[in-house]
C-alpha atoms as a PDB file:
ATOM      1  CA  UNK A   1      31.575 -40.880  66.351  1.00  0.00           C
ATOM      2  CA  UNK A   2      30.092 -40.032  69.785  1.00  0.00           C
ATOM      3  CA  UNK A   3      33.238 -38.103  70.696  1.00  0.00           C
ATOM      4  CA  UNK A   4      33.059 -36.125  67.457  1.00  0.00           C
ATOM      5  CA  UNK A   5      29.406 -35.235  68.064  1.00  0.00           C
ATOM      6  CA  UNK A   6      30.190 -34.202  71.636  1.00  0.00           C
ATOM      7  CA  UNK A   7      33.026 -31.993  70.406  1.00  0.00           C
ATOM      8  CA  UNK A   8      30.813 -30.211  67.854  1.00  0.00           C
ATOM      9  CA  UNK A   9      28.041 -29.658  70.388  1.00  0.00           C
ATOM     10  CA  UNK A  10      30.548 -28.293  72.902  1.00  0.00           C
ATOM     11  CA  UNK A  11      32.119 -25.998  70.337  1.00  0.00           C
ATOM     12  CA  UNK A  12      28.811 -24.630  69.076  1.00  0.00           C
ATOM     13  CA  UNK A  13      27.576 -23.991  72.604  1.00  0.00           C
ATOM     14  CA  UNK A  14      30.674 -21.891  73.219  1.00  0.00           C
ATOM     15  CA  UNK A  15      29.934 -19.808  70.119  1.00  0.00           C
ATOM     16  CA  UNK A  16      26.277 -19.384  70.992  1.00  0.00           C
ATOM     17  CA  UNK A  17      27.096 -18.265  74.520  1.00  0.00           C
ATOM     18  CA  UNK A  18      29.032 -15.306  73.123  1.00  0.00           C
ATOM     19  CA  UNK A  19      32.463 -16.534  74.074  1.00  0.00           C
ATOM     20  CA  UNK A  20      33.041 -17.648  70.467  1.00  0.00           C
ATOM     21  CA  UNK A  21      36.350 -19.353  71.083  1.00  0.00           C
ATOM     22  CA  UNK A  22      37.464 -22.783  70.009  1.00  0.00           C
ATOM     23  CA  UNK A  23      37.939 -25.461  72.654  1.00  0.00           C
ATOM     24  CA  UNK A  24      41.450 -25.639  74.047  1.00  0.00           C
ATOM     25  CA  UNK A  25      42.130 -28.785  72.042  1.00  0.00           C
ATOM     26  CA  UNK A  26      42.071 -26.933  68.754  1.00  0.00           C
ATOM     27  CA  UNK A  27      43.096 -23.554  67.333  1.00  0.00           C
ATOM     28  CA  UNK A  28      40.510 -22.477  64.789  1.00  0.00           C
ATOM     29  CA  UNK A  29      40.898 -19.089  63.172  1.00  0.00           C
ATOM     30  CA  UNK A  30      38.281 -16.394  63.700  1.00  0.00           C
ATOM     31  CA  UNK A  31      37.055 -16.981  60.146  1.00  0.00           C
ATOM     32  CA  UNK A  32      36.683 -20.691  60.756  1.00  0.00           C
ATOM     33  CA  UNK A  33      34.774 -20.006  63.967  1.00  0.00           C
ATOM     34  CA  UNK A  34      32.298 -17.861  62.048  1.00  0.00           C
ATOM     35  CA  UNK A  35      31.972 -20.441  59.270  1.00  0.00           C
ATOM     36  CA  UNK A  36      30.989 -23.015  61.894  1.00  0.00           C
ATOM     37  CA  UNK A  37      27.833 -20.995  62.524  1.00  0.00           C
ATOM     38  CA  UNK A  38      26.507 -22.619  59.361  1.00  0.00           C
ATOM     39  CA  UNK A  39      25.940 -25.679  61.576  1.00  0.00           C
ATOM     40  CA  UNK A  40      23.488 -23.762  63.783  1.00  0.00           C
ATOM     41  CA  UNK A  41      19.834 -24.027  62.768  1.00  0.00           C
ATOM     42  CA  UNK A  42      19.018 -20.823  64.660  1.00  0.00           C
ATOM     43  CA  UNK A  43      21.664 -18.920  62.726  1.00  0.00           C
ATOM     44  CA  UNK A  44      20.328 -20.229  59.420  1.00  0.00           C
ATOM     45  CA  UNK A  45      16.729 -19.495  60.296  1.00  0.00           C
ATOM     46  CA  UNK A  46      17.583 -15.958  61.424  1.00  0.00           C
ATOM     47  CA  UNK A  47      18.552 -15.105  57.826  1.00  0.00           C
ATOM     48  CA  UNK A  48      15.488 -14.754  55.640  1.00  0.00           C
ATOM     49  CA  UNK A  49      15.981 -15.439  51.935  1.00  0.00           C
ATOM     50  CA  UNK A  50      17.055 -12.304  50.044  1.00  0.00           C
ATOM     51  CA  UNK A  51      14.292 -10.391  48.346  1.00  0.00           C
ATOM     52  CA  UNK A  52      14.557 -10.555  44.526  1.00  0.00           C
ATOM     53  CA  UNK A  53      16.673  -7.721  43.168  1.00  0.00           C
ATOM     54  CA  UNK A  54      18.485  -6.889  39.932  1.00  0.00           C
ATOM     55  CA  UNK A  55      20.942  -4.052  39.474  1.00  0.00           C
ATOM     56  CA  UNK A  56      22.390  -2.741  36.246  1.00  0.00           C
ATOM     57  CA  UNK A  57      25.441  -0.653  37.031  1.00  0.00           C
ATOM     58  CA  UNK A  58      26.026   2.466  34.917  1.00  0.00           C
ATOM     59  CA  UNK A  59      29.776   2.452  35.590  1.00  0.00           C
ATOM     60  CA  UNK A  60      30.875  -0.742  37.290  1.00  0.00           C
ATOM     61  CA  UNK A  61      32.165  -3.828  35.513  1.00  0.00           C
ATOM     62  CA  UNK A  62      33.290  -7.329  36.328  1.00  0.00           C
ATOM     63  CA  UNK A  63      37.023  -7.959  36.183  1.00  0.00           C
ATOM     64  CA  UNK A  64      39.351 -10.871  36.905  1.00  0.00           C
ATOM     65  CA  UNK A  65      42.361 -10.784  39.190  1.00  0.00           C
ATOM     66  CA  UNK A  66      45.367 -13.103  38.941  1.00  0.00           C
ATOM     67  CA  UNK A  67      45.693 -15.273  42.035  1.00  0.00           C
ATOM     68  CA  UNK A  68      48.965 -16.858  43.089  1.00  0.00           C
ATOM     69  CA  UNK A  69      48.864 -20.639  42.695  1.00  0.00           C
ATOM     70  CA  UNK A  70      45.212 -20.641  41.700  1.00  0.00           C
ATOM     71  CA  UNK A  71      42.588 -19.744  39.151  1.00  0.00           C
ATOM     72  CA  UNK A  72      41.814 -16.042  38.615  1.00  0.00           C
ATOM     73  CA  UNK A  73      39.349 -14.399  40.980  1.00  0.00           C
ATOM     74  CA  UNK A  74      36.262 -12.373  40.092  1.00  0.00           C
ATOM     75  CA  UNK A  75      35.604  -8.822  41.258  1.00  0.00           C
ATOM     76  CA  UNK A  76      33.253  -5.948  40.552  1.00  0.00           C
ATOM     77  CA  UNK A  77      35.080  -2.665  40.042  1.00  0.00           C
ATOM     78  CA  UNK A  78      34.019   0.982  39.935  1.00  0.00           C
ATOM     79  CA  UNK A  79      36.933   3.277  39.194  1.00  0.00           C
ATOM     80  CA  UNK A  80      37.240   6.891  40.253  1.00  0.00           C
ATOM     81  CA  UNK A  81      36.859   9.497  37.511  1.00  0.00           C
ATOM     82  CA  UNK A  82      40.448  10.639  38.033  1.00  0.00           C
ATOM     83  CA  UNK A  83      43.548   8.513  38.710  1.00  0.00           C
ATOM     84  CA  UNK A  84      43.976   7.779  42.416  1.00  0.00           C
ATOM     85  CA  UNK A  85      45.912   5.476  44.693  1.00  0.00           C
ATOM     86  CA  UNK A  86      42.970   5.215  47.078  1.00  0.00           C
ATOM     87  CA  UNK A  87      41.206   1.841  47.075  1.00  0.00           C
ATOM     88  CA  UNK A  88      38.230   0.416  48.937  1.00  0.00           C
ATOM     89  CA  UNK A  89      37.962  -3.369  48.972  1.00  0.00           C
ATOM     90  CA  UNK A  90      34.379  -4.498  49.572  1.00  0.00           C
ATOM     91  CA  UNK A  91      33.699  -7.927  51.071  1.00  0.00           C
ATOM     92  CA  UNK A  92      30.277  -9.500  50.543  1.00  0.00           C
ATOM     93  CA  UNK A  93      27.983 -11.213  53.023  1.00  0.00           C
ATOM     94  CA  UNK A  94      27.535 -14.970  53.135  1.00  0.00           C
ATOM     95  CA  UNK A  95      25.155 -14.746  50.161  1.00  0.00           C
ATOM     96  CA  UNK A  96      28.015 -14.034  47.763  1.00  0.00           C
ATOM     97  CA  UNK A  97      28.739 -11.187  45.354  1.00  0.00           C
ATOM     98  CA  UNK A  98      25.114 -10.422  44.478  1.00  0.00           C
ATOM     99  CA  UNK A  99      23.511  -7.322  43.013  1.00  0.00           C
ATOM    100  CA  UNK A 100      22.888  -5.828  46.447  1.00  0.00           C
ATOM    101  CA  UNK A 101      26.626  -5.742  47.084  1.00  0.00           C
ATOM    102  CA  UNK A 102      27.299  -4.318  43.637  1.00  0.00           C
ATOM    103  CA  UNK A 103      24.794  -1.553  44.270  1.00  0.00           C
ATOM    104  CA  UNK A 104      26.254  -0.586  47.652  1.00  0.00           C
ATOM    105  CA  UNK A 105      29.781  -0.736  46.196  1.00  0.00           C
ATOM    106  CA  UNK A 106      28.768   1.787  43.547  1.00  0.00           C
ATOM    107  CA  UNK A 107      27.002   3.948  46.131  1.00  0.00           C
ATOM    108  CA  UNK A 108      30.151   4.010  48.253  1.00  0.00           C
ATOM    109  CA  UNK A 109      32.248   5.041  45.272  1.00  0.00           C
ATOM    110  CA  UNK A 110      29.870   7.922  44.534  1.00  0.00           C
ATOM    111  CA  UNK A 111      29.894   9.082  48.150  1.00  0.00           C
ATOM    112  CA  UNK A 112      33.633   8.748  48.693  1.00  0.00           C
ATOM    113  CA  UNK A 113      34.615  10.146  45.296  1.00  0.00           C
ATOM    114  CA  UNK A 114      38.374   9.888  45.014  1.00  0.00           C
ATOM    115  CA  UNK A 115      38.617   6.119  45.411  1.00  0.00           C
ATOM    116  CA  UNK A 116      38.586   2.991  43.274  1.00  0.00           C
ATOM    117  CA  UNK A 117      36.125   0.456  44.675  1.00  0.00           C
ATOM    118  CA  UNK A 118      36.670  -3.272  44.158  1.00  0.00           C
ATOM    119  CA  UNK A 119      34.098  -5.763  45.468  1.00  0.00           C
ATOM    120  CA  UNK A 120      35.827  -9.124  45.722  1.00  0.00           C
ATOM    121  CA  UNK A 121      34.078 -12.429  45.018  1.00  0.00           C
ATOM    122  CA  UNK A 122      35.189 -14.927  47.669  1.00  0.00           C
ATOM    123  CA  UNK A 123      32.868 -17.664  46.373  1.00  0.00           C
ATOM    124  CA  UNK A 124      34.225 -17.848  42.798  1.00  0.00           C
ATOM    125  CA  UNK A 125      30.922 -17.049  41.120  1.00  0.00           C
ATOM    126  CA  UNK A 126      28.522 -18.820  43.462  1.00  0.00           C
ATOM    127  CA  UNK A 127      25.612 -16.692  44.732  1.00  0.00           C
ATOM    128  CA  UNK A 128      23.078 -18.016  47.230  1.00  0.00           C
ATOM    129  CA  UNK A 129      19.373 -17.198  47.167  1.00  0.00           C
ATOM    130  CA  UNK A 130      18.510 -19.112  50.338  1.00  0.00           C
ATOM    131  CA  UNK A 131      20.087 -19.610  53.757  1.00  0.00           C
ATOM    132  CA  UNK A 132      20.797 -23.289  53.159  1.00  0.00           C
ATOM    133  CA  UNK A 133      23.014 -22.600  50.167  1.00  0.00           C
ATOM    134  CA  UNK A 134      24.603 -19.579  51.855  1.00  0.00           C
ATOM    135  CA  UNK A 135      25.557 -21.708  54.840  1.00  0.00           C
ATOM    136  CA  UNK A 136      26.959 -24.386  52.561  1.00  0.00           C
ATOM    137  CA  UNK A 137      29.033 -21.902  50.573  1.00  0.00           C
ATOM    138  CA  UNK A 138      30.367 -20.233  53.712  1.00  0.00           C
ATOM    139  CA  UNK A 139      31.201 -23.494  55.447  1.00  0.00           C
ATOM    140  CA  UNK A 140      32.869 -25.067  52.410  1.00  0.00           C
ATOM    141  CA  UNK A 141      34.834 -22.010  51.281  1.00  0.00           C
ATOM    142  CA  UNK A 142      38.559 -22.661  51.533  1.00  0.00           C
ATOM    143  CA  UNK A 143      40.200 -20.195  53.900  1.00  0.00           C
ATOM    144  CA  UNK A 144      43.453 -20.543  51.962  1.00  0.00           C
ATOM    145  CA  UNK A 145      41.664 -19.690  48.703  1.00  0.00           C
ATOM    146  CA  UNK A 146      39.904 -16.726  50.321  1.00  0.00           C
ATOM    147  CA  UNK A 147      43.154 -15.333  51.688  1.00  0.00           C
ATOM    148  CA  UNK A 148      44.757 -15.685  48.269  1.00  0.00           C
ATOM    149  CA  UNK A 149      41.856 -13.776  46.713  1.00  0.00           C
ATOM    150  CA  UNK A 150      42.245 -11.028  49.307  1.00  0.00           C
ATOM    151  CA  UNK A 151      45.965 -10.852  48.586  1.00  0.00           C
ATOM    152  CA  UNK A 152      45.140 -10.621  44.877  1.00  0.00           C
ATOM    153  CA  UNK A 153      42.900  -7.631  45.601  1.00  0.00           C
ATOM    154  CA  UNK A 154      45.668  -5.949  47.577  1.00  0.00           C
ATOM    155  CA  UNK A 155      48.178  -6.661  44.802  1.00  0.00           C
ATOM    156  CA  UNK A 156      45.757  -5.272  42.216  1.00  0.00           C
ATOM    157  CA  UNK A 157      45.583  -2.011  44.150  1.00  0.00           C
ATOM    158  CA  UNK A 158      49.366  -1.784  43.977  1.00  0.00           C
ATOM    159  CA  UNK A 159      52.183  -1.382  46.445  1.00  0.00           C
ATOM    160  CA  UNK A 160      51.680   2.393  46.704  1.00  0.00           C
ATOM    161  CA  UNK A 161      47.912   2.227  47.279  1.00  0.00           C
ATOM    162  CA  UNK A 162      46.095   3.343  50.397  1.00  0.00           C
ATOM    163  CA  UNK A 163      43.666   0.526  51.085  1.00  0.00           C
ATOM    164  CA  UNK A 164      40.428   0.634  53.049  1.00  0.00           C
ATOM    165  CA  UNK A 165      38.065  -2.279  53.580  1.00  0.00           C
ATOM    166  CA  UNK A 166      34.396  -2.799  54.391  1.00  0.00           C
ATOM    167  CA  UNK A 167      32.260  -5.893  54.831  1.00  0.00           C
ATOM    168  CA  UNK A 168      29.124  -7.271  56.460  1.00  0.00           C
ATOM    169  CA  UNK A 169      28.484 -10.439  58.487  1.00  0.00           C
ATOM    170  CA  UNK A 170      30.768 -13.097  56.901  1.00  0.00           C
ATOM    171  CA  UNK A 171      32.368 -10.190  55.055  1.00  0.00           C
ATOM    172  CA  UNK A 172      32.719  -8.160  58.242  1.00  0.00           C
ATOM    173  CA  UNK A 173      35.213 -10.611  59.648  1.00  0.00           C
ATOM    174  CA  UNK A 174      36.972 -10.832  56.319  1.00  0.00           C
ATOM    175  CA  UNK A 175      37.127  -7.034  56.107  1.00  0.00           C
ATOM    176  CA  UNK A 176      39.214  -7.092  59.274  1.00  0.00           C
ATOM    177  CA  UNK A 177      41.392  -9.903  57.911  1.00  0.00           C
ATOM    178  CA  UNK A 178      41.926  -7.985  54.664  1.00  0.00           C
ATOM    179  CA  UNK A 179      43.133  -4.937  56.563  1.00  0.00           C
ATOM    180  CA  UNK A 180      45.474  -7.156  58.565  1.00  0.00           C
ATOM    181  CA  UNK A 181      46.877  -8.568  55.319  1.00  0.00           C
ATOM    182  CA  UNK A 182      47.261  -5.043  53.907  1.00  0.00           C
ATOM    183  CA  UNK A 183      49.723  -4.188  56.677  1.00  0.00           C
ATOM    184  CA  UNK A 184      51.091  -0.637  56.439  1.00  0.00           C
ATOM    185  CA  UNK A 185      48.957   0.015  53.352  1.00  0.00           C
ATOM    186  CA  UNK A 186      45.840  -0.292  55.475  1.00  0.00           C
ATOM    187  CA  UNK A 187      44.112   3.076  55.816  1.00  0.00           C
ATOM    188  CA  UNK A 188      40.793   2.117  57.407  1.00  0.00           C
ATOM    189  CA  UNK A 189      38.598  -0.888  58.158  1.00  0.00           C
ATOM    190  CA  UNK A 190      34.825  -1.016  58.603  1.00  0.00           C
ATOM    191  CA  UNK A 191      33.420  -4.291  59.883  1.00  0.00           C
ATOM    192  CA  UNK A 192      29.681  -4.802  60.277  1.00  0.00           C
ATOM    193  CA  UNK A 193      28.830  -7.509  62.861  1.00  0.00           C
ATOM    194  CA  UNK A 194      31.696  -9.741  61.714  1.00  0.00           C
ATOM    195  CA  UNK A 195      33.753 -12.148  63.807  1.00  0.00           C
ATOM    196  CA  UNK A 196      36.429 -10.269  65.775  1.00  0.00           C
ATOM    197  CA  UNK A 197      40.024 -11.446  65.828  1.00  0.00           C
ATOM    198  CA  UNK A 198      41.410 -12.976  69.022  1.00  0.00           C
ATOM    199  CA  UNK A 199      44.954 -13.755  67.876  1.00  0.00           C
ATOM    200  CA  UNK A 200      47.146 -10.967  69.263  1.00  0.00           C
ATOM    201  CA  UNK A 201      49.875 -11.737  66.726  1.00  0.00           C
ATOM    202  CA  UNK A 202      47.455 -10.906  63.912  1.00  0.00           C
ATOM    203  CA  UNK A 203      46.116  -7.875  65.757  1.00  0.00           C
ATOM    204  CA  UNK A 204      49.643  -6.535  66.163  1.00  0.00           C
ATOM    205  CA  UNK A 205      50.083  -6.729  62.372  1.00  0.00           C
ATOM    206  CA  UNK A 206      47.048  -4.483  61.866  1.00  0.00           C
ATOM    207  CA  UNK A 207      47.910  -0.892  60.994  1.00  0.00           C
ATOM    208  CA  UNK A 208      44.504   0.421  59.901  1.00  0.00           C
ATOM    209  CA  UNK A 209      42.094   2.064  62.342  1.00  0.00           C
ATOM    210  CA  UNK A 210      38.884   0.084  62.758  1.00  0.00           C
ATOM    211  CA  UNK A 211      35.231   1.063  62.931  1.00  0.00           C
ATOM    212  CA  UNK A 212      33.200  -1.813  64.318  1.00  0.00           C
ATOM    213  CA  UNK A 213      29.428  -1.656  63.800  1.00  0.00           C
ATOM    214  CA  UNK A 214      27.495  -4.149  65.890  1.00  0.00           C
ATOM    215  CA  UNK A 215      23.990  -4.978  67.139  1.00  0.00           C
ATOM    216  CA  UNK A 216      23.010  -5.287  70.796  1.00  0.00           C
ATOM    217  CA  UNK A 217      20.522  -8.075  70.017  1.00  0.00           C
ATOM    218  CA  UNK A 218      23.034 -10.140  68.037  1.00  0.00           C
ATOM    219  CA  UNK A 219      23.013 -13.661  69.478  1.00  0.00           C
ATOM    220  CA  UNK A 220      26.264 -14.659  67.762  1.00  0.00           C
ATOM    221  CA  UNK A 221      28.562 -11.622  67.670  1.00  0.00           C
ATOM    222  CA  UNK A 222      27.440 -10.668  71.155  1.00  0.00           C
ATOM    223  CA  UNK A 223      28.121  -7.445  73.083  1.00  0.00           C
ATOM    224  CA  UNK A 224      30.437  -9.456  75.350  1.00  0.00           C
ATOM    225  CA  UNK A 225      32.483 -10.649  72.409  1.00  0.00           C
ATOM    226  CA  UNK A 226      32.629  -7.120  70.987  1.00  0.00           C
ATOM    227  CA  UNK A 227      33.763  -5.698  74.337  1.00  0.00           C
ATOM    228  CA  UNK A 228      36.519  -8.291  74.564  1.00  0.00           C
ATOM    229  CA  UNK A 229      37.678  -7.437  71.047  1.00  0.00           C
ATOM    230  CA  UNK A 230      37.728  -3.707  71.818  1.00  0.00           C
ATOM    231  CA  UNK A 231      39.756  -4.288  74.983  1.00  0.00           C
ATOM    232  CA  UNK A 232      42.279  -6.500  73.170  1.00  0.00           C
ATOM    233  CA  UNK A 233      42.682  -3.942  70.383  1.00  0.00           C
ATOM    234  CA  UNK A 234      43.300  -1.103  72.821  1.00  0.00           C
ATOM    235  CA  UNK A 235      45.753  -3.161  74.896  1.00  0.00           C
ATOM    236  CA  UNK A 236      47.763  -3.646  71.714  1.00  0.00           C
ATOM    237  CA  UNK A 237      47.735   0.059  70.865  1.00  0.00           C
ATOM    238  CA  UNK A 238      45.270  -0.212  67.963  1.00  0.00           C
ATOM    239  CA  UNK A 239      42.738   2.418  66.963  1.00  0.00           C
ATOM    240  CA  UNK A 240      39.184   1.191  67.276  1.00  0.00           C
ATOM    241  CA  UNK A 241      35.775   2.811  67.479  1.00  0.00           C
ATOM    242  CA  UNK A 242      32.736   0.725  68.335  1.00  0.00           C
ATOM    243  CA  UNK A 243      29.218   1.770  67.338  1.00  0.00           C
ATOM    244  CA  UNK A 244      26.299  -0.335  68.530  1.00  0.00           C
ATOM    245  CA  UNK A 245      22.651  -0.286  67.496  1.00  0.00           C
ATOM    246  CA  UNK A 246      19.577  -1.679  69.199  1.00  0.00           C
ATOM    247  CA  UNK A 247      18.985  -4.161  66.424  1.00  0.00           C
ATOM    248  CA  UNK A 248      19.542  -7.758  65.353  1.00  0.00           C
ATOM    249  CA  UNK A 249      22.359  -9.363  63.407  1.00  0.00           C
ATOM    250  CA  UNK A 250      22.342  -8.336  59.709  1.00  0.00           C
ATOM    251  CA  UNK A 251      20.205  -5.283  60.440  1.00  0.00           C
ATOM    252  CA  UNK A 252      21.860  -3.307  57.627  1.00  0.00           C
ATOM    253  CA  UNK A 253      21.059  -5.800  54.866  1.00  0.00           C
ATOM    254  CA  UNK A 254      18.382  -4.366  52.524  1.00  0.00           C
ATOM    255  CA  UNK A 255      17.716  -7.822  51.099  1.00  0.00           C
ATOM    256  CA  UNK A 256      16.487  -8.925  54.523  1.00  0.00           C
ATOM    257  CA  UNK A 257      12.721  -8.571  55.081  1.00  0.00           C
ATOM    258  CA  UNK A 258      13.625  -7.581  58.674  1.00  0.00           C
ATOM    259  CA  UNK A 259      15.921  -4.788  57.474  1.00  0.00           C
ATOM    260  CA  UNK A 260      16.179  -1.961  60.038  1.00  0.00           C
ATOM    261  CA  UNK A 261      16.153   1.068  57.758  1.00  0.00           C
ATOM    262  CA  UNK A 262      16.775   3.706  60.437  1.00  0.00           C
ATOM    263  CA  UNK A 263      19.710   1.890  62.009  1.00  0.00           C
ATOM    264  CA  UNK A 264      21.132   0.910  58.625  1.00  0.00           C
ATOM    265  CA  UNK A 265      21.116   4.482  57.341  1.00  0.00           C
ATOM    266  CA  UNK A 266      22.721   5.805  60.517  1.00  0.00           C
ATOM    267  CA  UNK A 267      25.406   3.117  60.368  1.00  0.00           C
ATOM    268  CA  UNK A 268      26.058   3.818  56.699  1.00  0.00           C
ATOM    269  CA  UNK A 269      26.555   7.516  57.412  1.00  0.00           C
ATOM    270  CA  UNK A 270      29.058   6.641  60.145  1.00  0.00           C
ATOM    271  CA  UNK A 271      30.899   4.266  57.823  1.00  0.00           C
ATOM    272  CA  UNK A 272      31.174   6.828  55.014  1.00  0.00           C
ATOM    273  CA  UNK A 273      32.385   9.540  57.381  1.00  0.00           C
ATOM    274  CA  UNK A 274      34.970   7.163  58.832  1.00  0.00           C
ATOM    275  CA  UNK A 275      36.239   6.067  55.412  1.00  0.00           C
ATOM    276  CA  UNK A 276      36.409   9.642  54.149  1.00  0.00           C
ATOM    277  CA  UNK A 277      38.343  10.836  57.175  1.00  0.00           C
ATOM    278  CA  UNK A 278      41.031   8.204  56.704  1.00  0.00           C
ATOM    279  CA  UNK A 279      41.440   8.694  52.961  1.00  0.00           C
ATOM    280  CA  UNK A 280      42.563  12.308  53.391  1.00  0.00           C
END
């Protein structure tokens, strides 16, 4: 038991220092490393409970997607007015597929126009209203199940689709993983303060250009970690653009009482411009 406690403390101290890599004795994925943040009290306390919000979409609807070797997945879809092979897969924060995500998904569809937007539910219907539950859902979510849901979203778009991705926090890391899974169909990836990928084999499989939006005051996805990610991407011949804001982690989340409106709006404009440019 003492050895196990020592291991966890050692691992979490590595994350908190900004190095965010698993000890040499184990090979956790980037997604698993981020999920381990649910063990940190500071990380939990830095996320205020979402402000109450309800959204009734005029055009979007819930759909189900067949998942290989599993139960169907949920998703919120807003289709373009005209047939298109352009798709944007939206990945929610650690709160789950709540009404905030549905609203921003619809806003993105309106701004991008010629694209079908699908917001995937990686928690199978669970939505957190407090940090404790969000941490529990994130920590207990099966990475295998999540990857199968992401693959289901890619399959739903179709083999001829051009696929872009966007996500925040927990979803920021999964946005990158979705674009990796999309392979040559990947057209663009936006990741807001999500866990970068360290595995060069996975990075080499990435075809989509990446826009990384990060915060200089982020104590978990630190500037050092972001710089390392950018360097690794460039060494492997990948397109990446990093935009940083003088703000804290989750600064773009409107459900957060500490929401940074100015930075969030500037970041959103950058994200939309990036996505538009790569859908042409």
